[in-house]
Amino acid sequence: MVDRPCFSKELSVETFKNFYWYKTELVKICKDNHLPTYGTKAELNQYIIQYLNGIPQSQIKVVRTNTQTSSLKAEQINSQTKLLASGFSLNAEARNFFANYFQIDKFSFKKAMAIKMRQVQSEHDDSATVQDLIDAYQNGISTDNKEEHTYQWNNFVKAFNRDERSKDYSQKMKVAAIIWSKVRDSQMEKVYSPKLIDQYQSEISKYRKV
């Protein structure tokens, strides 16, 4: 397995995308290279990819801004409330609104709603309303986007750590990353399975506790 290289401006986009980077690492890379440091992992990745593609730092802009607007109360929200620049956010007040809207006692946001909200913010979609989130909740939206890889990795690691056999290895995150890289670059489903430890034993055996 090829070791992940240190980040540099000479790194190719393909090489950069072939390796997993923690968000803290992406923030540091952005800070060290005078790029925007605010945003999701997917957004930070895009800033860095633009930089590696030769776009000057001065032309790489934040795709969404951290605006400070007074938060709306549940009673101020309706299906036509704008998602941007209105004071709306996925907070406790919004949760109360949706609970009342769907007539349920306890409402939980779905991942599809969070993804939709981020898309609206990154695309500066001023026409988007709460109805779009209602549709996302009821119908789901495609999660075939850049952020899905982050969800897949996080779920993969959680499942790996729940496996009793993971305790047999030192540097558990390293072992998980090795197995994940194999799964990620294959046609397999992007989920953890105990059989993967056996399948990739030759790559991870050196991390097995004595």
Protein backbone atom coordinates (compact mmCIF):
# COMPACT_ATOMS: atom_id res chain seq x y z
CA MET A 1 0.00 0.00 0.00
CA VAL A 2 1.32 3.44 -0.95
CA ASP A 3 1.85 5.76 2.03
CA ARG A 4 -0.01 9.03 1.94
CA PRO A 5 2.32 11.85 0.83
CA CYS A 6 2.74 15.10 2.69
CA PHE A 7 0.68 17.92 1.24
CA SER A 8 2.41 20.33 -1.10
CA LYS A 9 1.43 22.57 -4.00
CA GLU A 10 3.09 20.08 -6.36
CA LEU A 11 0.69 17.32 -5.32
CA SER A 12 -1.62 16.29 -8.15
CA VAL A 13 -5.37 16.52 -7.67
CA GLU A 14 -5.69 12.81 -8.39
CA THR A 15 -3.16 11.93 -5.69
CA PHE A 16 -4.82 14.28 -3.20
CA LYS A 17 -8.24 12.70 -3.84
CA ASN A 18 -6.88 9.17 -3.53
CA PHE A 19 -6.19 9.59 0.18
CA TYR A 20 -8.37 10.27 3.19
CA TRP A 21 -7.75 13.55 5.06
CA TYR A 22 -9.25 14.45 8.42
CA LYS A 23 -11.09 17.76 8.63
CA THR A 24 -8.50 19.13 11.05
CA GLU A 25 -5.83 18.37 8.46
CA LEU A 26 -7.84 20.08 5.72
CA VAL A 27 -8.31 23.18 7.88
CA LYS A 28 -4.55 23.32 8.54
CA ILE A 29 -3.76 22.89 4.84
CA CYS A 30 -6.16 25.72 4.00
CA LYS A 31 -4.74 27.95 6.73
CA ASP A 32 -1.12 27.28 5.73
CA ASN A 33 -1.90 28.08 2.10
CA HIS A 34 -4.09 31.13 2.74
CA LEU A 35 -7.32 29.47 1.62
CA PRO A 36 -10.78 29.79 3.22
CA THR A 37 -10.94 27.70 6.39
CA TYR A 38 -14.71 27.84 6.98
CA GLY A 39 -17.01 25.12 5.69
CA THR A 40 -17.76 21.42 5.59
CA LYS A 41 -15.15 18.82 4.69
CA ALA A 42 -16.48 18.71 1.13
CA GLU A 43 -16.12 22.48 0.82
CA LEU A 44 -12.58 22.49 2.26
CA ASN A 45 -11.66 19.77 -0.22
CA GLN A 46 -12.94 21.93 -3.07
CA TYR A 47 -10.84 24.92 -1.97
CA ILE A 48 -7.73 22.72 -1.95
CA ILE A 49 -8.53 21.12 -5.31
CA GLN A 50 -8.95 24.57 -6.86
CA TYR A 51 -5.58 25.53 -5.38
CA LEU A 52 -3.91 22.41 -6.79
CA ASN A 53 -5.46 23.18 -10.17
CA GLY A 54 -3.55 26.45 -10.21
CA ILE A 55 -6.29 28.89 -9.27
CA PRO A 56 -4.79 31.85 -7.34
CA GLN A 57 -5.68 31.98 -3.65
CA SER A 58 -7.27 35.41 -4.12
CA GLN A 59 -9.81 33.89 -6.51
CA ILE A 60 -10.82 31.01 -4.24
CA LYS A 61 -13.87 32.23 -2.36
CA VAL A 62 -15.93 30.80 0.48
CA VAL A 63 -18.88 29.00 -1.10
CA ARG A 64 -21.18 29.96 1.75
CA THR A 65 -20.89 32.55 4.47
CA ASN A 66 -21.44 32.23 8.18
CA THR A 67 -24.14 34.87 8.41
CA GLN A 68 -25.36 36.14 11.75
CA THR A 69 -29.15 36.58 11.62
CA SER A 70 -31.59 36.45 14.49
CA SER A 71 -32.93 32.91 14.73
CA LEU A 72 -36.58 32.38 13.91
CA LYS A 73 -38.93 30.99 16.53
CA ALA A 74 -41.02 27.94 15.67
CA GLU A 75 -44.18 30.03 15.35
CA GLN A 76 -42.45 32.31 12.82
CA ILE A 77 -41.62 29.43 10.48
CA ASN A 78 -43.89 28.17 7.69
CA SER A 79 -43.43 26.11 4.54
CA GLN A 80 -42.61 29.21 2.48
CA THR A 81 -39.93 30.54 4.83
CA LYS A 82 -36.70 31.12 2.94
CA LEU A 83 -33.79 28.92 3.96
CA LEU A 84 -31.24 31.68 3.41
CA ALA A 85 -30.93 35.07 5.11
CA SER A 86 -34.17 34.60 7.05
CA GLY A 87 -32.85 33.43 10.40
CA PHE A 88 -33.86 29.84 9.70
CA SER A 89 -31.50 27.04 10.72
CA LEU A 90 -31.73 23.38 11.66
CA ASN A 91 -32.02 24.04 15.37
CA ALA A 92 -34.43 23.29 18.22
CA GLU A 93 -36.96 25.85 16.95
CA ALA A 94 -37.00 24.24 13.51
CA ARG A 95 -37.36 20.85 15.16
CA ASN A 96 -40.43 22.12 17.04
CA PHE A 97 -41.90 23.47 13.80
CA PHE A 98 -41.44 20.15 11.99
CA ALA A 99 -42.85 18.21 14.94
CA ASN A 100 -45.98 20.36 14.79
CA TYR A 101 -46.12 20.21 10.98
CA PHE A 102 -45.95 16.42 10.89
CA GLN A 103 -48.04 16.14 14.08
CA ILE A 104 -45.56 14.00 15.95
CA ASP A 105 -44.27 14.30 19.52
CA LYS A 106 -40.56 14.15 18.75
CA PHE A 107 -38.97 15.12 15.45
CA SER A 108 -35.46 14.19 14.31
CA PHE A 109 -33.73 15.72 11.30
CA LYS A 110 -32.88 13.31 8.51
CA LYS A 111 -29.50 13.31 6.82
CA ALA A 112 -31.25 14.21 3.56
CA MET A 113 -32.40 17.48 5.14
CA ALA A 114 -28.88 18.42 6.25
CA ILE A 115 -27.50 17.63 2.80
CA LYS A 116 -30.23 19.70 1.15
CA MET A 117 -29.48 22.62 3.47
CA ARG A 118 -25.78 22.49 2.61
CA GLN A 119 -26.54 22.37 -1.10
CA VAL A 120 -28.74 25.44 -0.79
CA GLN A 121 -26.02 27.28 1.12
CA SER A 122 -23.19 26.33 -1.23
CA GLU A 123 -25.23 27.21 -4.33
CA HIS A 124 -26.63 30.41 -2.78
CA ASP A 125 -30.12 29.27 -3.76
CA ASP A 126 -32.23 32.23 -2.63
CA SER A 127 -35.41 30.58 -3.89
CA ALA A 128 -35.19 27.56 -1.57
CA THR A 129 -37.80 27.35 1.17
CA VAL A 130 -38.70 25.14 4.12
CA GLN A 131 -40.91 23.21 1.70
CA ASP A 132 -37.72 21.89 0.09
CA LEU A 133 -36.71 20.43 3.45
CA ILE A 134 -40.16 18.94 3.90
CA ASP A 135 -39.81 17.28 0.50
CA ALA A 136 -36.35 16.02 1.43
CA TYR A 137 -37.73 14.57 4.66
CA GLN A 138 -40.65 12.86 2.96
CA ASN A 139 -38.99 11.67 -0.22
CA GLY A 140 -35.29 11.72 0.52
CA ILE A 141 -32.77 13.24 -1.88
CA SER A 142 -29.83 11.78 -3.66
CA THR A 143 -26.82 11.43 -1.40
CA ASP A 144 -24.51 10.76 -4.34
CA ASN A 145 -22.39 13.80 -3.59
CA LYS A 146 -19.03 14.75 -2.16
CA GLU A 147 -20.17 14.68 1.47
CA GLU A 148 -21.48 11.13 1.27
CA HIS A 149 -17.88 9.86 1.34
CA THR A 150 -17.45 11.48 4.75
CA TYR A 151 -20.59 9.79 6.08
CA GLN A 152 -19.44 6.44 4.67
CA TRP A 153 -16.02 6.71 6.32
CA ASN A 154 -17.44 7.75 9.69
CA ASN A 155 -19.92 4.88 9.68
CA PHE A 156 -17.19 2.48 8.54
CA VAL A 157 -14.94 3.43 11.47
CA LYS A 158 -17.78 3.16 14.00
CA ALA A 159 -18.64 -0.33 12.76
CA PHE A 160 -14.97 -1.35 12.79
CA ASN A 161 -14.54 -0.17 16.39
CA ARG A 162 -17.63 -2.13 17.44
CA ASP A 163 -16.06 -5.32 16.10
CA GLU A 164 -14.37 -7.15 19.00
CA ARG A 165 -11.56 -8.23 16.66
CA SER A 166 -10.50 -4.62 16.16
CA LYS A 167 -9.13 -4.74 19.72
CA ASP A 168 -6.50 -7.20 18.51
CA TYR A 169 -4.73 -4.40 16.66
CA SER A 170 -2.64 -1.45 17.70
CA GLN A 171 -3.13 1.79 15.74
CA LYS A 172 -6.78 0.93 15.14
CA MET A 173 -7.41 4.03 13.02
CA LYS A 174 -4.50 3.10 10.78
CA VAL A 175 -5.89 -0.41 10.33
CA ALA A 176 -9.37 0.96 9.64
CA ALA A 177 -7.93 3.38 7.07
CA ILE A 178 -6.07 0.59 5.28
CA ILE A 179 -9.18 -1.57 5.02
CA TRP A 180 -11.31 1.45 4.07
CA SER A 181 -8.95 2.38 1.23
CA LYS A 182 -9.40 -1.10 -0.22
CA VAL A 183 -13.18 -0.97 0.08
CA ARG A 184 -13.43 2.62 -1.17
CA ASP A 185 -11.48 1.86 -4.34
CA SER A 186 -13.39 -1.34 -5.09
CA GLN A 187 -16.87 -2.19 -6.33
CA MET A 188 -17.85 -3.44 -2.88
CA GLU A 189 -20.55 -1.79 -0.78
CA LYS A 190 -18.93 1.00 1.25
CA VAL A 191 -19.70 -0.56 4.63
CA TYR A 192 -17.64 -2.47 7.18
CA SER A 193 -17.92 -6.24 7.51
CA PRO A 194 -15.93 -8.48 9.90
CA LYS A 195 -14.82 -10.60 6.95
CA LEU A 196 -12.75 -7.66 5.70
CA ILE A 197 -10.21 -8.28 8.48
CA ASP A 198 -9.58 -11.73 7.03
CA GLN A 199 -9.70 -10.52 3.45
CA TYR A 200 -6.97 -7.91 3.98
CA GLN A 201 -5.00 -9.69 6.68
CA SER A 202 -1.77 -9.46 4.68
CA GLU A 203 -1.99 -5.64 4.69
CA ILE A 204 -2.83 -5.23 8.38
CA SER A 205 -1.07 -8.15 10.07
CA LYS A 206 1.93 -6.03 11.06
CA TYR A 207 -0.35 -3.98 13.34
CA ARG A 208 -1.60 -7.04 15.22
CA LYS A 209 -0.79 -6.95 18.92
CA VAL A 210 1.79 -9.49 20.04
